[in-house]
Amino acid sequence: MEKIEEQLANLNIVKRSSGTTEPTYLLGIDASKTVPAEKASLVAVLCSNGSIRIYDKERLYILREFRGYPGLNGVRFANACDSVYSSCTDGTIKCWDARLASEKPIQLFKGYPSNVFISFDISCNDHVICAGTEKVDEDALMVFWDARMNSQDLSTSKDPLGAYSETHSDDVTQVRFHPSNPNMVVSGSTDGLVNIFDISIDNEEDALVTTCNSASSISCIGWSGKDYKQIYCMTHDEGFCWWDLTHLDTDEPMTRLNIPDVREVINVKEGILDYLVGGLYHEKMDKLFVVGGTNTGMIHLLSCTPSGLIHMTGLHGGHAATVRSFCWNMQDDSLLTGGEDAQLLLWKPGAADKTFTKKDSMKIASSVYQRVRVHSNDSYKKRKKQ
């Protein structure tokens, strides 16, 4: 544990994104998986102005930008190529080639009438896309498409393969495929339920492997543990739940941890914890970590144990406002973070970039900080309309 804590505490800022004339929240980050970590790879960032920016990961300058698409939710690279996907409230999933400067998506996946997509993911073999919808009338859907591309697909939009409609009763806020099994997908909703499906089974009822109840609106879900046989989730009121699927067919309890409000129980060494951002499972260490922060931009890293969450370290001097997104690179142990101060930061273990002092970083962000709201503890229903 001491070695882990030392490694995380040694994360320092090595690069900041170049400034932009338009301050925007950085709502989502994903990195290309097609090149080794030591080579220049691409990073896609979802911005609150309805654009997706493509950055060079090491130098953090903008290579190109796909603009003019309000209502985008989430950003995700394909696993075997540099296609970038995002779901949209206009009822589509859009796909761009991150290496081309074309303004138009190269693929368009259309939903059913009245679909408003607020979450999505693509399977580890890039074959299937799944998107979650807002509840309209009595329906909250998980919609599926065949994501495989052929020459005919480049000029036409794709219709869904089908949808699940029975297992969630409210907005499907999160969808995550298993990292190595393309048939397994987990979904989370404002109804508090976390559902695990095996989509290789024909009908929705039989495909539902199990349901876990967080008792609160889901903001984040993910897979963890050896062979990714555990599920974790965070809620919009900063709760945390952690389940072990290996106990499905045993008498052992599935719940490893259930904390209704992490802010009330965590002992933070340096100040307070205002919110949770997400989780990351570190394969080499076989450890699940939770990322949280403060409204003034400090980042907290928490270690998950069956007895509770333990504060590991705080990352200082980076952001000047709420951190909304991050992306962890397992190969070089680097961390990308984005926030409401419009800053994209690259953290690595070791020496910091001497060209940016803490004082300089606060100057850069201060004018933006005056124009962005701090993190709100309002309910998801209120927050998602902002």
Protein backbone atom coordinates (compact mmCIF):
# COMPACT_ATOMS: atom_id res chain seq x y z
CA MET A 1 0.00 0.00 0.00
CA GLU A 2 2.87 2.39 0.78
CA LYS A 3 4.33 1.86 -2.70
CA ILE A 4 0.98 2.63 -4.31
CA GLU A 5 0.53 5.75 -2.22
CA GLU A 6 4.05 6.94 -3.09
CA GLN A 7 3.45 6.43 -6.81
CA LEU A 8 0.15 8.33 -6.79
CA ALA A 9 1.53 11.11 -4.59
CA ASN A 10 4.35 11.52 -7.11
CA LEU A 11 2.00 12.53 -9.95
CA ASN A 12 2.98 15.97 -11.24
CA ILE A 13 1.78 18.19 -14.06
CA VAL A 14 4.02 17.79 -17.09
CA LYS A 15 1.89 19.64 -19.63
CA ARG A 16 -1.08 22.01 -19.90
CA SER A 17 -3.31 22.46 -22.93
CA SER A 18 -2.80 25.59 -24.96
CA GLY A 19 -5.34 28.28 -24.21
CA THR A 20 -8.48 28.76 -26.30
CA THR A 21 -10.47 31.93 -26.92
CA GLU A 22 -13.73 30.26 -25.88
CA PRO A 23 -13.86 28.97 -22.29
CA THR A 24 -15.74 25.68 -22.06
CA TYR A 25 -16.19 22.90 -19.55
CA LEU A 26 -14.25 19.75 -20.47
CA LEU A 27 -16.89 17.09 -19.86
CA GLY A 28 -15.28 13.90 -21.15
CA ILE A 29 -11.84 12.56 -22.11
CA ASP A 30 -10.71 9.42 -23.93
CA ALA A 31 -7.34 8.45 -25.42
CA SER A 32 -6.63 6.49 -28.57
CA LYS A 33 -5.75 2.86 -27.97
CA THR A 34 -4.03 2.22 -31.31
CA VAL A 35 -0.43 3.31 -30.58
CA PRO A 36 2.01 2.46 -27.76
CA ALA A 37 2.01 4.86 -24.84
CA GLU A 38 5.53 6.07 -25.61
CA LYS A 39 4.50 7.33 -29.05
CA ALA A 40 2.36 10.37 -29.80
CA SER A 41 -1.26 9.31 -29.46
CA LEU A 42 -4.51 11.19 -29.83
CA VAL A 43 -6.84 12.41 -27.11
CA ALA A 44 -10.50 13.30 -27.68
CA VAL A 45 -12.14 15.84 -25.37
CA LEU A 46 -15.88 16.57 -25.20
CA CYS A 47 -16.54 20.27 -24.60
CA SER A 48 -19.67 21.94 -23.25
CA ASN A 49 -20.00 24.08 -26.40
CA GLY A 50 -21.00 20.99 -28.42
CA SER A 51 -17.58 20.29 -29.92
CA ILE A 52 -15.06 17.46 -29.76
CA ARG A 53 -11.41 18.51 -29.74
CA ILE A 54 -8.63 16.17 -30.82
CA TYR A 55 -5.34 16.78 -29.01
CA ASP A 56 -1.83 15.47 -29.36
CA LYS A 57 -1.50 13.65 -26.02
CA GLU A 58 2.10 14.58 -25.16
CA ARG A 59 2.10 18.21 -26.30
CA LEU A 60 -1.60 18.90 -25.58
CA TYR A 61 -2.24 21.18 -28.50
CA ILE A 62 -5.39 20.96 -30.59
CA LEU A 63 -4.96 19.10 -33.87
CA ARG A 64 -8.54 19.49 -35.08
CA GLU A 65 -12.04 20.12 -33.79
CA PHE A 66 -15.47 18.79 -34.74
CA ARG A 67 -17.81 21.71 -34.02
CA GLY A 68 -21.47 22.57 -34.06
CA TYR A 69 -23.08 19.51 -32.49
CA PRO A 70 -24.97 20.65 -29.37
CA GLY A 71 -26.28 17.93 -27.08
CA LEU A 72 -23.31 15.57 -27.35
CA ASN A 73 -22.87 13.17 -24.40
CA GLY A 74 -19.68 11.25 -23.72
CA VAL A 75 -16.71 10.62 -25.98
CA ARG A 76 -15.15 7.27 -26.79
CA PHE A 77 -12.45 6.00 -29.14
CA ALA A 78 -12.93 2.70 -30.92
CA ASN A 79 -10.56 0.02 -29.67
CA ALA A 80 -8.85 -0.91 -32.93
CA CYS A 81 -8.85 2.36 -34.90
CA ASP A 82 -9.00 6.12 -34.43
CA SER A 83 -12.74 6.51 -34.83
CA VAL A 84 -14.31 8.73 -32.16
CA TYR A 85 -17.93 8.27 -31.07
CA SER A 86 -20.38 10.42 -29.13
CA SER A 87 -24.07 10.09 -28.34
CA CYS A 88 -26.37 13.02 -28.97
CA THR A 89 -29.69 14.29 -27.67
CA ASP A 90 -30.91 14.51 -31.29
CA GLY A 91 -31.35 10.72 -31.28
CA THR A 92 -28.12 9.76 -33.03
CA ILE A 93 -24.67 8.35 -32.34
CA LYS A 94 -22.04 10.21 -34.36
CA CYS A 95 -18.66 8.85 -35.43
CA TRP A 96 -15.68 10.88 -36.67
CA ASP A 97 -12.26 9.89 -37.99
CA ALA A 98 -9.92 11.58 -35.50
CA ARG A 99 -7.14 11.79 -38.10
CA LEU A 100 -9.22 13.64 -40.69
CA ALA A 101 -10.20 17.31 -40.62
CA SER A 102 -13.64 16.67 -42.13
CA GLU A 103 -16.42 18.52 -40.29
CA LYS A 104 -19.01 15.83 -40.94
CA PRO A 105 -19.29 12.48 -39.11
CA ILE A 106 -18.15 9.47 -41.13
CA GLN A 107 -20.95 7.35 -39.64
CA LEU A 108 -24.37 8.18 -38.25
CA PHE A 109 -26.36 5.73 -36.12
CA LYS A 110 -30.02 6.70 -35.91
CA GLY A 111 -32.30 5.81 -33.02
CA TYR A 112 -36.06 5.34 -32.85
CA PRO A 113 -38.42 8.34 -32.99
CA SER A 114 -38.35 10.44 -29.77
CA ASN A 115 -35.05 8.89 -28.59
CA VAL A 116 -32.85 11.31 -26.62
CA PHE A 117 -29.47 9.66 -26.00
CA ILE A 118 -27.59 10.59 -22.83
CA SER A 119 -25.11 7.69 -22.54
CA PHE A 120 -23.40 5.14 -24.75
CA ASP A 121 -20.45 2.76 -25.19
CA ILE A 122 -18.88 0.51 -27.81
CA SER A 123 -17.95 -3.14 -27.23
CA CYS A 124 -14.30 -4.16 -26.84
CA ASN A 125 -14.27 -5.76 -30.31
CA ASP A 126 -15.89 -2.64 -31.87
CA HIS A 127 -18.85 -4.69 -33.14
CA VAL A 128 -21.74 -3.28 -31.11
CA ILE A 129 -22.77 0.17 -29.90
CA CYS A 130 -25.27 0.58 -27.07
CA ALA A 131 -26.88 3.90 -26.08
CA GLY A 132 -29.15 4.80 -23.18
CA THR A 133 -32.08 7.19 -23.53
CA GLU A 134 -33.94 9.67 -21.40
CA LYS A 135 -37.35 8.45 -20.32
CA VAL A 136 -40.04 9.53 -22.79
CA ASP A 137 -43.60 8.68 -21.82
CA GLU A 138 -43.11 5.27 -20.19
CA ASP A 139 -40.01 4.22 -22.12
CA ALA A 140 -36.34 4.30 -21.10
CA LEU A 141 -34.41 2.32 -23.68
CA MET A 142 -31.04 0.73 -24.30
CA VAL A 143 -30.64 0.84 -28.10
CA PHE A 144 -28.16 -1.36 -30.01
CA TRP A 145 -26.45 -1.05 -33.42
CA ASP A 146 -23.99 -3.07 -35.47
CA ALA A 147 -20.93 -0.78 -35.48
CA ARG A 148 -18.94 -2.66 -38.10
CA MET A 149 -18.19 -0.54 -41.12
CA ASN A 150 -18.23 -1.46 -44.79
CA SER A 151 -18.05 0.63 -47.95
CA GLN A 152 -21.83 1.10 -48.11
CA ASP A 153 -21.94 2.49 -44.55
CA LEU A 154 -19.91 5.58 -45.39
CA SER A 155 -22.79 7.31 -47.15
CA THR A 156 -25.77 6.03 -45.21
CA SER A 157 -27.03 6.12 -41.64
CA LYS A 158 -27.56 2.93 -39.69
CA ASP A 159 -30.80 1.85 -38.02
CA PRO A 160 -30.85 -0.02 -34.70
CA LEU A 161 -30.59 -3.78 -34.33
CA GLY A 162 -33.09 -3.57 -31.47
CA ALA A 163 -33.57 -2.26 -27.95
CA TYR A 164 -34.11 -3.25 -24.31
CA SER A 165 -37.15 -1.49 -22.84
CA GLU A 166 -38.27 -3.45 -19.76
CA THR A 167 -35.43 -3.30 -17.25
CA HIS A 168 -35.12 0.42 -16.47
CA SER A 169 -38.01 2.70 -15.48
CA ASP A 170 -36.13 6.02 -15.80
CA ASP A 171 -33.29 7.74 -17.70
CA VAL A 172 -30.42 5.36 -18.61
CA THR A 173 -27.54 7.58 -17.52
CA GLN A 174 -24.66 5.10 -17.96
CA VAL A 175 -23.76 2.20 -20.28
CA ARG A 176 -20.45 0.32 -20.07
CA PHE A 177 -19.32 -2.78 -21.96
CA HIS A 178 -17.02 -5.30 -20.29
CA PRO A 179 -13.34 -4.54 -21.09
CA SER A 180 -12.65 -8.03 -22.53
CA ASN A 181 -16.02 -9.78 -23.05
CA PRO A 182 -17.95 -8.10 -25.89
CA ASN A 183 -21.22 -9.76 -24.84
CA MET A 184 -21.36 -8.28 -21.33
CA VAL A 185 -22.72 -4.80 -20.70
CA VAL A 186 -23.75 -2.96 -17.53
CA SER A 187 -26.25 -0.10 -17.38
CA GLY A 188 -27.20 2.43 -14.72
CA SER A 189 -30.23 4.67 -14.37
CA THR A 190 -31.83 7.40 -12.32
CA ASP A 191 -34.13 4.60 -11.07
CA GLY A 192 -31.15 3.48 -8.93
CA LEU A 193 -30.76 0.12 -10.65
CA VAL A 194 -27.52 -1.28 -12.09
CA ASN A 195 -28.26 -4.07 -14.58
CA ILE A 196 -25.77 -6.57 -16.03
CA PHE A 197 -26.67 -8.15 -19.38
CA ASP A 198 -25.33 -10.92 -21.61
CA ILE A 199 -26.37 -9.62 -25.04
CA SER A 200 -25.51 -12.91 -26.75
CA ILE A 201 -28.85 -14.18 -25.39
CA ASP A 202 -31.79 -13.40 -27.64
CA ASN A 203 -34.39 -11.73 -25.45
CA GLU A 204 -34.06 -9.02 -22.80
CA GLU A 205 -35.53 -10.98 -19.92
CA ASP A 206 -33.11 -13.90 -20.34
CA ALA A 207 -30.18 -11.58 -21.17
CA LEU A 208 -30.47 -9.88 -17.75
CA VAL A 209 -27.82 -11.61 -15.62
CA THR A 210 -28.50 -9.74 -12.39
CA THR A 211 -29.71 -6.43 -10.95
CA CYS A 212 -28.02 -4.43 -8.20
CA ASN A 213 -29.78 -1.57 -6.42
CA SER A 214 -27.88 1.55 -5.40
CA ALA A 215 -31.06 3.20 -4.06
CA SER A 216 -30.04 6.46 -5.76
CA SER A 217 -29.65 8.01 -9.21
CA ILE A 218 -26.58 6.61 -11.02
CA SER A 219 -23.92 9.02 -12.28
CA CYS A 220 -21.06 6.61 -13.09
CA ILE A 221 -20.52 2.86 -13.45
CA GLY A 222 -17.55 0.67 -14.31
CA TRP A 223 -15.93 -2.77 -14.20
CA SER A 224 -13.11 -3.76 -11.84
CA GLY A 225 -11.31 -6.70 -10.22
CA LYS A 226 -9.39 -9.63 -11.70
CA ASP A 227 -10.99 -10.61 -15.02
CA TYR A 228 -13.31 -7.63 -14.41
CA LYS A 229 -15.82 -9.60 -12.38
CA GLN A 230 -16.75 -6.68 -10.13
CA ILE A 231 -19.03 -3.68 -10.72
CA TYR A 232 -18.87 -0.27 -9.06
CA CYS A 233 -21.10 2.78 -9.31
CA MET A 234 -21.33 6.35 -8.09
CA THR A 235 -24.53 8.31 -7.57
CA HIS A 236 -25.59 11.90 -8.19
CA ASP A 237 -25.62 12.51 -4.43
CA GLU A 238 -22.00 11.27 -4.14
CA GLY A 239 -22.75 7.73 -3.00
CA PHE A 240 -20.58 4.72 -3.86
CA CYS A 241 -21.46 1.03 -4.33
CA TRP A 242 -19.24 -1.94 -5.18
CA TRP A 243 -20.44 -5.48 -6.05
CA ASP A 244 -18.69 -8.81 -6.68
CA LEU A 245 -20.27 -10.87 -9.49
CA THR A 246 -18.26 -13.98 -8.53
CA HIS A 247 -20.70 -14.35 -5.63
CA LEU A 248 -23.75 -14.54 -7.90
CA ASP A 249 -24.17 -18.29 -7.45
CA THR A 250 -22.90 -18.55 -3.87
CA ASP A 251 -24.21 -17.72 -0.42
CA GLU A 252 -21.66 -14.92 -0.09
CA PRO A 253 -23.07 -11.37 -0.27
CA MET A 254 -22.46 -9.60 -3.57
CA THR A 255 -22.09 -6.18 -1.95
CA ARG A 256 -18.49 -5.30 -1.08
CA LEU A 257 -19.21 -1.69 -0.17
CA ASN A 258 -22.25 0.60 0.04
CA ILE A 259 -21.72 4.22 1.12
CA PRO A 260 -24.79 6.51 0.73
CA ASP A 261 -22.68 9.71 0.85
CA VAL A 262 -18.89 9.47 0.63
CA ARG A 263 -18.48 13.09 1.75
CA GLU A 264 -19.84 12.25 5.18
CA VAL A 265 -17.50 9.34 5.94
CA ILE A 266 -14.22 9.97 4.13
CA ASN A 267 -11.32 11.34 6.16
CA VAL A 268 -9.51 13.59 3.69
CA LYS A 269 -6.01 14.49 4.77
CA GLU A 270 -6.03 17.82 3.02
CA GLY A 271 -9.30 19.72 3.34
CA ILE A 272 -12.63 18.38 2.14
CA LEU A 273 -14.23 16.25 -0.58
CA ASP A 274 -17.01 17.97 -2.53
CA TYR A 275 -17.82 15.41 -5.25
CA LEU A 276 -16.87 12.17 -7.02
CA VAL A 277 -15.74 12.15 -10.65
CA GLY A 278 -15.35 8.45 -11.44
CA GLY A 279 -13.40 5.26 -10.85
CA LEU A 280 -10.33 3.59 -12.30
CA TYR A 281 -9.21 0.00 -11.94
CA HIS A 282 -5.43 -0.33 -11.97
CA GLU A 283 -4.72 -3.74 -13.50
CA LYS A 284 -1.04 -3.95 -12.46
CA MET A 285 -1.85 -3.16 -8.84
CA ASP A 286 -5.19 -5.01 -8.87
CA LYS A 287 -6.67 -2.00 -7.10
CA LEU A 288 -9.81 0.05 -7.62
CA PHE A 289 -9.44 3.79 -7.09
CA VAL A 290 -12.05 6.52 -6.93
CA VAL A 291 -11.33 10.02 -8.20
CA GLY A 292 -12.98 12.95 -6.44
CA GLY A 293 -12.28 16.60 -5.87
CA THR A 294 -13.10 20.01 -4.50
CA ASN A 295 -14.90 22.95 -6.07
CA THR A 296 -11.59 24.83 -6.16
CA GLY A 297 -9.94 22.23 -8.40
CA MET A 298 -8.02 19.94 -6.06
CA ILE A 299 -8.12 16.26 -7.04
CA HIS A 300 -8.41 13.49 -4.43
CA LEU A 301 -7.50 9.85 -5.10
CA LEU A 302 -9.23 7.28 -2.89
CA SER A 303 -8.43 3.58 -2.56
CA CYS A 304 -11.35 1.11 -2.38
CA THR A 305 -11.22 -1.62 0.26
CA PRO A 306 -14.04 -3.84 1.60
CA SER A 307 -13.83 -1.89 4.85
CA GLY A 308 -14.25 1.50 3.19
CA LEU A 309 -12.65 4.18 1.03
CA ILE A 310 -9.19 5.36 2.09
CA HIS A 311 -7.79 8.73 1.06
CA MET A 312 -4.49 8.15 -0.76
CA THR A 313 -3.33 11.56 -1.91
CA GLY A 314 -4.38 14.97 -3.18
CA LEU A 315 -3.12 16.49 -6.44
CA HIS A 316 -2.41 20.19 -5.94
CA GLY A 317 -1.81 23.17 -8.19
CA GLY A 318 -3.64 21.99 -11.28
CA HIS A 319 -7.22 23.10 -11.79
CA ALA A 320 -8.93 26.25 -10.52
CA ALA A 321 -12.49 24.88 -10.67
CA THR A 322 -14.42 21.61 -10.54
CA VAL A 323 -12.81 18.67 -12.35
CA ARG A 324 -15.38 17.00 -14.59
CA SER A 325 -13.40 14.30 -16.42
CA PHE A 326 -10.24 12.20 -16.43
CA CYS A 327 -8.54 9.42 -18.38
CA TRP A 328 -5.93 7.05 -16.93
CA ASN A 329 -3.25 5.44 -19.12
CA MET A 330 -2.24 2.05 -17.73
CA GLN A 331 0.94 1.76 -19.84
CA ASP A 332 2.78 4.85 -18.57
CA ASP A 333 0.68 5.59 -15.44
CA SER A 334 -0.24 9.02 -16.76
CA LEU A 335 -3.44 10.87 -15.90
CA LEU A 336 -5.34 13.38 -18.05
CA THR A 337 -7.81 15.67 -16.28
CA GLY A 338 -10.28 18.27 -17.56
CA GLY A 339 -12.43 20.73 -15.72
CA GLU A 340 -14.73 23.72 -15.59
CA ASP A 341 -11.68 25.99 -15.86
CA ALA A 342 -11.28 24.89 -19.54
CA GLN A 343 -7.89 23.34 -18.73
CA LEU A 344 -6.66 19.93 -19.94
CA LEU A 345 -3.75 18.70 -17.80
CA LEU A 346 -1.33 15.78 -18.24
CA TRP A 347 0.03 14.30 -14.99
CA LYS A 348 2.90 11.80 -14.78
CA PRO A 349 4.98 10.31 -11.98
CA GLY A 350 8.22 12.24 -11.52
CA ALA A 351 9.42 15.75 -12.20
CA ALA A 352 6.99 18.54 -12.98
CA ASP A 353 7.20 20.78 -16.05
CA LYS A 354 9.26 23.76 -14.85
CA THR A 355 7.67 26.10 -17.38
CA PHE A 356 4.47 26.25 -15.31
CA THR A 357 4.50 27.22 -11.67
CA LYS A 358 1.43 27.02 -9.49
CA LYS A 359 1.15 30.80 -9.56
CA ASP A 360 1.20 30.84 -13.35
CA SER A 361 -1.42 28.11 -13.57
CA MET A 362 -3.85 30.04 -11.40
CA LYS A 363 -3.38 33.13 -13.53
CA ILE A 364 -4.22 31.19 -16.65
CA ALA A 365 -7.44 29.85 -15.19
CA SER A 366 -8.61 32.80 -13.11
CA SER A 367 -10.44 34.72 -15.86
CA VAL A 368 -12.26 31.56 -16.92
CA TYR A 369 -13.10 30.68 -13.33
CA GLN A 370 -15.12 33.88 -12.97
CA ARG A 371 -17.43 32.68 -15.73
CA VAL A 372 -18.06 29.07 -14.74
CA ARG A 373 -20.34 27.72 -12.07
CA VAL A 374 -19.02 25.69 -9.18
CA HIS A 375 -20.10 22.10 -8.71
CA SER A 376 -23.72 21.80 -7.68
CA ASN A 377 -25.17 19.30 -5.27
CA ASP A 378 -28.60 19.64 -6.81
CA SER A 379 -30.39 16.55 -8.03
CA TYR A 380 -29.61 15.04 -11.43
CA LYS A 381 -32.96 16.20 -12.78
CA LYS A 382 -32.03 19.82 -12.19
CA ARG A 383 -28.39 19.48 -13.12
CA LYS A 384 -28.79 17.79 -16.49
CA LYS A 385 -30.79 20.75 -17.86
CA GLN A 386 -27.91 23.16 -17.36
